[in-house]
Amino acid sequence: MPFVSIRITREGVTAGQKAQVIREVTETLERVLNKPPAWTHVVIEEVDTDNWGYGGHTTTAIREGKAPLP
C-alpha cells in the first residue's frame, strides 16, 4: 500500500490543484510501479509560512523581504 506525504505552504493553492496532484501522483505510481490506485494513499499537509523556515528564517519573513534569501 503506497503512502505519499506531501507538505506545502498554506497559501494560494486551490482544492482543484490539490485534487490534480493527488490524481497525478496516483497515476504515476500505477504507471511506474504497477500499484493499484485503490491502494494508494496521498496526503497533502498544508503548513503556515510562520511554521516553515529555511536559512534560519521563517518563510513569511523571507517572502515579506524582512530576511535575506539563503
PDB file of N, CA and C in Angstrom:
ATOM      1  N   MET A   1       0.845  -1.171   0.000  1.00  0.00           N
ATOM      2  CA  MET A   1       0.000   0.000   0.000  1.00  0.00           C
ATOM      3  C   MET A   1       0.887   1.229   0.000  1.00  0.00           C
ATOM      4  N   PRO A   2       0.991   1.946  -1.104  1.00  0.00           N
ATOM      5  CA  PRO A   2       1.792   3.169  -1.132  1.00  0.00           C
ATOM      6  C   PRO A   2       1.142   4.271  -0.294  1.00  0.00           C
ATOM      7  N   PHE A   3       1.995   4.988   0.413  1.00  0.00           N
ATOM      8  CA  PHE A   3       1.565   6.166   1.168  1.00  0.00           C
ATOM      9  C   PHE A   3       2.489   7.300   0.779  1.00  0.00           C
ATOM     10  N   VAL A   4       1.913   8.381   0.249  1.00  0.00           N
ATOM     11  CA  VAL A   4       2.686   9.529  -0.190  1.00  0.00           C
ATOM     12  C   VAL A   4       2.289  10.726   0.657  1.00  0.00           C
ATOM     13  N   SER A   5       3.278  11.363   1.264  1.00  0.00           N
ATOM     14  CA  SER A   5       3.036  12.545   2.080  1.00  0.00           C
ATOM     15  C   SER A   5       3.678  13.744   1.393  1.00  0.00           C
ATOM     16  N   ILE A   6       2.874  14.782   1.177  1.00  0.00           N
ATOM     17  CA  ILE A   6       3.344  15.992   0.513  1.00  0.00           C
ATOM     18  C   ILE A   6       3.098  17.161   1.451  1.00  0.00           C
ATOM     19  N   ARG A   7       4.114  17.957   1.710  1.00  0.00           N
ATOM     20  CA  ARG A   7       3.961  19.145   2.543  1.00  0.00           C
ATOM     21  C   ARG A   7       4.191  20.381   1.687  1.00  0.00           C
ATOM     22  N   ILE A   8       3.256  21.321   1.805  1.00  0.00           N
ATOM     23  CA  ILE A   8       3.359  22.581   1.086  1.00  0.00           C
ATOM     24  C   ILE A   8       2.987  23.708   2.036  1.00  0.00           C
ATOM     25  N   THR A   9       3.365  24.925   1.678  1.00  0.00           N
ATOM     26  CA  THR A   9       2.935  26.052   2.492  1.00  0.00           C
ATOM     27  C   THR A   9       1.475  26.354   2.186  1.00  0.00           C
ATOM     28  N   ARG A  10       0.784  26.838   3.205  1.00  0.00           N
ATOM     29  CA  ARG A  10      -0.644  27.118   3.087  1.00  0.00           C
ATOM     30  C   ARG A  10      -0.838  28.508   2.488  1.00  0.00           C
ATOM     31  N   GLU A  11      -0.927  28.564   1.171  1.00  0.00           N
ATOM     32  CA  GLU A  11      -1.173  29.846   0.516  1.00  0.00           C
ATOM     33  C   GLU A  11      -1.355  29.637  -0.974  1.00  0.00           C
ATOM     34  N   GLY A  12      -2.428  30.140  -1.495  1.00  0.00           N
ATOM     35  CA  GLY A  12      -2.627  30.197  -2.930  1.00  0.00           C
ATOM     36  C   GLY A  12      -2.798  28.893  -3.661  1.00  0.00           C
ATOM     37  N   VAL A  13      -3.090  27.804  -2.970  1.00  0.00           N
ATOM     38  CA  VAL A  13      -3.293  26.527  -3.641  1.00  0.00           C
ATOM     39  C   VAL A  13      -4.776  26.183  -3.544  1.00  0.00           C
ATOM     40  N   THR A  14      -5.381  25.914  -4.679  1.00  0.00           N
ATOM     41  CA  THR A  14      -6.810  25.644  -4.704  1.00  0.00           C
ATOM     42  C   THR A  14      -7.094  24.163  -4.442  1.00  0.00           C
ATOM     43  N   ALA A  15      -8.331  23.884  -4.091  1.00  0.00           N
ATOM     44  CA  ALA A  15      -8.755  22.495  -3.910  1.00  0.00           C
ATOM     45  C   ALA A  15      -8.590  21.725  -5.216  1.00  0.00           C
ATOM     46  N   GLY A  16      -8.867  22.376  -6.326  1.00  0.00           N
ATOM     47  CA  GLY A  16      -8.700  21.734  -7.630  1.00  0.00           C
ATOM     48  C   GLY A  16      -7.255  21.354  -7.919  1.00  0.00           C
ATOM     49  N   GLN A  17      -6.329  22.230  -7.559  1.00  0.00           N
ATOM     50  CA  GLN A  17      -4.905  21.931  -7.769  1.00  0.00           C
ATOM     51  C   GLN A  17      -4.469  20.753  -6.900  1.00  0.00           C
ATOM     52  N   LYS A  18      -4.929  20.731  -5.666  1.00  0.00           N
ATOM     53  CA  LYS A  18      -4.574  19.609  -4.782  1.00  0.00           C
ATOM     54  C   LYS A  18      -5.161  18.300  -5.297  1.00  0.00           C
ATOM     55  N   ALA A  19      -6.392  18.353  -5.790  1.00  0.00           N
ATOM     56  CA  ALA A  19      -7.007  17.156  -6.361  1.00  0.00           C
ATOM     57  C   ALA A  19      -6.205  16.662  -7.562  1.00  0.00           C
ATOM     58  N   GLN A  20      -5.708  17.587  -8.375  1.00  0.00           N
ATOM     59  CA  GLN A  20      -4.895  17.207  -9.532  1.00  0.00           C
ATOM     60  C   GLN A  20      -3.594  16.549  -9.093  1.00  0.00           C
ATOM     61  N   VAL A  21      -2.959  17.090  -8.070  1.00  0.00           N
ATOM     62  CA  VAL A  21      -1.716  16.492  -7.563  1.00  0.00           C
ATOM     63  C   VAL A  21      -1.989  15.067  -7.076  1.00  0.00           C
ATOM     64  N   ILE A  22      -3.060  14.889  -6.308  1.00  0.00           N
ATOM     65  CA  ILE A  22      -3.405  13.555  -5.803  1.00  0.00           C
ATOM     66  C   ILE A  22      -3.634  12.590  -6.966  1.00  0.00           C
ATOM     67  N   ARG A  23      -4.391  13.032  -7.945  1.00  0.00           N
ATOM     68  CA  ARG A  23      -4.693  12.189  -9.107  1.00  0.00           C
ATOM     69  C   ARG A  23      -3.419  11.821  -9.877  1.00  0.00           C
ATOM     70  N   GLU A  24      -2.563  12.812 -10.132  1.00  0.00           N
ATOM     71  CA  GLU A  24      -1.371  12.547 -10.943  1.00  0.00           C
ATOM     72  C   GLU A  24      -0.323  11.718 -10.192  1.00  0.00           C
ATOM     73  N   VAL A  25      -0.197  11.908  -8.891  1.00  0.00           N
ATOM     74  CA  VAL A  25       0.721  11.070  -8.110  1.00  0.00           C
ATOM     75  C   VAL A  25       0.225   9.621  -8.135  1.00  0.00           C
ATOM     76  N   THR A  26      -1.078   9.454  -7.963  1.00  0.00           N
ATOM     77  CA  THR A  26      -1.667   8.109  -8.007  1.00  0.00           C
ATOM     78  C   THR A  26      -1.431   7.467  -9.366  1.00  0.00           C
ATOM     79  N   GLU A  27      -1.651   8.219 -10.438  1.00  0.00           N
ATOM     80  CA  GLU A  27      -1.425   7.701 -11.799  1.00  0.00           C
ATOM     81  C   GLU A  27       0.040   7.327 -12.019  1.00  0.00           C
ATOM     82  N   THR A  28       0.952   8.124 -11.483  1.00  0.00           N
ATOM     83  CA  THR A  28       2.384   7.844 -11.637  1.00  0.00           C
ATOM     84  C   THR A  28       2.751   6.533 -10.940  1.00  0.00           C
ATOM     85  N   LEU A  29       2.251   6.344  -9.738  1.00  0.00           N
ATOM     86  CA  LEU A  29       2.552   5.094  -9.021  1.00  0.00           C
ATOM     87  C   LEU A  29       1.951   3.890  -9.732  1.00  0.00           C
ATOM     88  N   GLU A  30       0.804   4.071 -10.332  1.00  0.00           N
ATOM     89  CA  GLU A  30       0.198   2.980 -11.095  1.00  0.00           C
ATOM     90  C   GLU A  30       1.031   2.671 -12.339  1.00  0.00           C
ATOM     91  N   ARG A  31       1.428   3.699 -13.065  1.00  0.00           N
ATOM     92  CA  ARG A  31       2.168   3.528 -14.325  1.00  0.00           C
ATOM     93  C   ARG A  31       3.580   2.997 -14.097  1.00  0.00           C
ATOM     94  N   VAL A  32       4.277   3.557 -13.120  1.00  0.00           N
ATOM     95  CA  VAL A  32       5.693   3.224 -12.933  1.00  0.00           C
ATOM     96  C   VAL A  32       5.887   1.981 -12.065  1.00  0.00           C
ATOM     97  N   LEU A  33       5.088   1.855 -11.001  1.00  0.00           N
ATOM     98  CA  LEU A  33       5.292   0.766 -10.051  1.00  0.00           C
ATOM     99  C   LEU A  33       4.197  -0.296 -10.073  1.00  0.00           C
ATOM    100  N   ASN A  34       3.226  -0.127 -10.987  1.00  0.00           N
ATOM    101  CA  ASN A  34       2.105  -1.065 -11.096  1.00  0.00           C
ATOM    102  C   ASN A  34       1.299  -1.192  -9.806  1.00  0.00           C
ATOM    103  N   LYS A  35       1.154  -0.089  -9.080  1.00  0.00           N
ATOM    104  CA  LYS A  35       0.386  -0.082  -7.835  1.00  0.00           C
ATOM    105  C   LYS A  35      -1.072   0.240  -8.140  1.00  0.00           C
ATOM    106  N   PRO A  36      -2.000  -0.557  -7.641  1.00  0.00           N
ATOM    107  CA  PRO A  36      -3.413  -0.276  -7.878  1.00  0.00           C
ATOM    108  C   PRO A  36      -3.826   1.059  -7.242  1.00  0.00           C
ATOM    109  N   PRO A  37      -4.542   1.902  -7.970  1.00  0.00           N
ATOM    110  CA  PRO A  37      -4.968   3.188  -7.414  1.00  0.00           C
ATOM    111  C   PRO A  37      -5.738   3.050  -6.098  1.00  0.00           C
ATOM    112  N   ALA A  38      -6.509   1.994  -5.958  1.00  0.00           N
ATOM    113  CA  ALA A  38      -7.291   1.809  -4.728  1.00  0.00           C
ATOM    114  C   ALA A  38      -6.404   1.614  -3.504  1.00  0.00           C
ATOM    115  N   TRP A  39      -5.168   1.233  -3.711  1.00  0.00           N
ATOM    116  CA  TRP A  39      -4.244   1.007  -2.600  1.00  0.00           C
ATOM    117  C   TRP A  39      -3.407   2.239  -2.269  1.00  0.00           C
ATOM    118  N   THR A  40      -3.441   3.240  -3.126  1.00  0.00           N
ATOM    119  CA  THR A  40      -2.560   4.397  -2.985  1.00  0.00           C
ATOM    120  C   THR A  40      -3.216   5.487  -2.145  1.00  0.00           C
ATOM    121  N   HIS A  41      -2.497   5.911  -1.110  1.00  0.00           N
ATOM    122  CA  HIS A  41      -2.955   6.980  -0.236  1.00  0.00           C
ATOM    123  C   HIS A  41      -2.035   8.181  -0.424  1.00  0.00           C
ATOM    124  N   VAL A  42      -2.620   9.350  -0.641  1.00  0.00           N
ATOM    125  CA  VAL A  42      -1.853  10.586  -0.804  1.00  0.00           C
ATOM    126  C   VAL A  42      -2.397  11.593   0.201  1.00  0.00           C
ATOM    127  N   VAL A  43      -1.499  12.153   1.001  1.00  0.00           N
ATOM    128  CA  VAL A  43      -1.884  13.153   1.995  1.00  0.00           C
ATOM    129  C   VAL A  43      -1.139  14.445   1.681  1.00  0.00           C
ATOM    130  N   ILE A  44      -1.881  15.532   1.582  1.00  0.00           N
ATOM    131  CA  ILE A  44      -1.276  16.854   1.405  1.00  0.00           C
ATOM    132  C   ILE A  44      -1.453  17.610   2.712  1.00  0.00           C
ATOM    133  N   GLU A  45      -0.337  17.960   3.314  1.00  0.00           N
ATOM    134  CA  GLU A  45      -0.351  18.709   4.568  1.00  0.00           C
ATOM    135  C   GLU A  45       0.044  20.147   4.267  1.00  0.00           C
ATOM    136  N   GLU A  46      -0.803  21.078   4.660  1.00  0.00           N
ATOM    137  CA  GLU A  46      -0.508  22.485   4.456  1.00  0.00           C
ATOM    138  C   GLU A  46       0.038  23.084   5.754  1.00  0.00           C
ATOM    139  N   VAL A  47       1.157  23.783   5.641  1.00  0.00           N
ATOM    140  CA  VAL A  47       1.842  24.351   6.790  1.00  0.00           C
ATOM    141  C   VAL A  47       1.854  25.872   6.660  1.00  0.00           C
ATOM    142  N   ASP A  48       1.493  26.558   7.737  1.00  0.00           N
ATOM    143  CA  ASP A  48       1.571  28.022   7.724  1.00  0.00           C
ATOM    144  C   ASP A  48       3.012  28.464   7.484  1.00  0.00           C
ATOM    145  N   THR A  49       3.183  29.557   6.755  1.00  0.00           N
ATOM    146  CA  THR A  49       4.540  30.019   6.439  1.00  0.00           C
ATOM    147  C   THR A  49       5.296  30.476   7.687  1.00  0.00           C
ATOM    148  N   ASP A  50       4.587  30.781   8.772  1.00  0.00           N
ATOM    149  CA  ASP A  50       5.265  31.089  10.038  1.00  0.00           C
ATOM    150  C   ASP A  50       5.886  29.840  10.650  1.00  0.00           C
ATOM    151  N   ASN A  51       5.417  28.666  10.238  1.00  0.00           N
ATOM    152  CA  ASN A  51       5.900  27.398  10.783  1.00  0.00           C
ATOM    153  C   ASN A  51       6.833  26.662   9.835  1.00  0.00           C
ATOM    154  N   TRP A  52       7.264  27.321   8.787  1.00  0.00           N
ATOM    155  CA  TRP A  52       8.166  26.706   7.795  1.00  0.00           C
ATOM    156  C   TRP A  52       9.325  27.673   7.605  1.00  0.00           C
ATOM    157  N   GLY A  53      10.517  27.195   7.788  1.00  0.00           N
ATOM    158  CA  GLY A  53      11.656  28.077   7.645  1.00  0.00           C
ATOM    159  C   GLY A  53      12.819  27.406   6.954  1.00  0.00           C
ATOM    160  N   TYR A  54      13.707  28.227   6.465  1.00  0.00           N
ATOM    161  CA  TYR A  54      14.961  27.746   5.875  1.00  0.00           C
ATOM    162  C   TYR A  54      15.960  28.882   5.940  1.00  0.00           C
ATOM    163  N   GLY A  55      17.214  28.520   5.956  1.00  0.00           N
ATOM    164  CA  GLY A  55      18.261  29.534   6.056  1.00  0.00           C
ATOM    165  C   GLY A  55      18.199  30.323   7.354  1.00  0.00           C
ATOM    166  N   GLY A  56      17.550  29.757   8.373  1.00  0.00           N
ATOM    167  CA  GLY A  56      17.480  30.406   9.671  1.00  0.00           C
ATOM    168  C   GLY A  56      16.350  31.417   9.819  1.00  0.00           C
ATOM    169  N   HIS A  57      15.442  31.479   8.831  1.00  0.00           N
ATOM    170  CA  HIS A  57      14.344  32.445   8.870  1.00  0.00           C
ATOM    171  C   HIS A  57      13.036  31.763   8.484  1.00  0.00           C
ATOM    172  N   THR A  58      11.922  32.342   8.933  1.00  0.00           N
ATOM    173  CA  THR A  58      10.637  31.800   8.517  1.00  0.00           C
ATOM    174  C   THR A  58      10.374  32.151   7.059  1.00  0.00           C
ATOM    175  N   THR A  59       9.571  31.342   6.425  1.00  0.00           N
ATOM    176  CA  THR A  59       9.187  31.609   5.048  1.00  0.00           C
ATOM    177  C   THR A  59       8.440  32.934   4.958  1.00  0.00           C
ATOM    178  N   THR A  60       7.629  33.233   5.965  1.00  0.00           N
ATOM    179  CA  THR A  60       6.905  34.506   5.993  1.00  0.00           C
ATOM    180  C   THR A  60       7.874  35.676   5.911  1.00  0.00           C
ATOM    181  N   ALA A  61       8.904  35.666   6.761  1.00  0.00           N
ATOM    182  CA  ALA A  61       9.879  36.765   6.787  1.00  0.00           C
ATOM    183  C   ALA A  61      10.621  36.882   5.461  1.00  0.00           C
ATOM    184  N   ILE A  62      10.982  35.756   4.889  1.00  0.00           N
ATOM    185  CA  ILE A  62      11.717  35.767   3.605  1.00  0.00           C
ATOM    186  C   ILE A  62      10.826  36.353   2.511  1.00  0.00           C
ATOM    187  N   ARG A  63       9.586  35.912   2.458  1.00  0.00           N
ATOM    188  CA  ARG A  63       8.690  36.384   1.385  1.00  0.00           C
ATOM    189  C   ARG A  63       8.291  37.839   1.560  1.00  0.00           C
ATOM    190  N   GLU A  64       8.279  38.323   2.789  1.00  0.00           N
ATOM    191  CA  GLU A  64       7.955  39.722   3.030  1.00  0.00           C
ATOM    192  C   GLU A  64       9.181  40.634   2.907  1.00  0.00           C
ATOM    193  N   GLY A  65      10.327  40.037   2.581  1.00  0.00           N
ATOM    194  CA  GLY A  65      11.543  40.831   2.412  1.00  0.00           C
ATOM    195  C   GLY A  65      12.173  41.264   3.720  1.00  0.00           C
ATOM    196  N   LYS A  66      11.771  40.658   4.822  1.00  0.00           N
ATOM    197  CA  LYS A  66      12.319  41.004   6.144  1.00  0.00           C
ATOM    198  C   LYS A  66      13.521  40.147   6.505  1.00  0.00           C
ATOM    199  N   ALA A  67      13.845  39.198   5.658  1.00  0.00           N
ATOM    200  CA  ALA A  67      15.003  38.339   5.882  1.00  0.00           C
ATOM    201  C   ALA A  67      15.615  38.050   4.517  1.00  0.00           C
ATOM    202  N   PRO A  68      16.919  37.856   4.492  1.00  0.00           N
ATOM    203  CA  PRO A  68      17.594  37.593   3.193  1.00  0.00           C
ATOM    204  C   PRO A  68      17.287  36.191   2.679  1.00  0.00           C
ATOM    205  N   LEU A  69      17.315  36.057   1.388  1.00  0.00           N
ATOM    206  CA  LEU A  69      17.211  34.721   0.797  1.00  0.00           C
ATOM    207  C   LEU A  69      18.489  33.960   1.140  1.00  0.00           C
ATOM    208  N   PRO A  70      18.359  32.693   1.496  1.00  0.00           N
ATOM    209  CA  PRO A  70      19.580  31.910   1.814  1.00  0.00           C
ATOM    210  C   PRO A  70      20.429  31.671   0.591  1.00  0.00           C
TER     211      PRO A  70
END
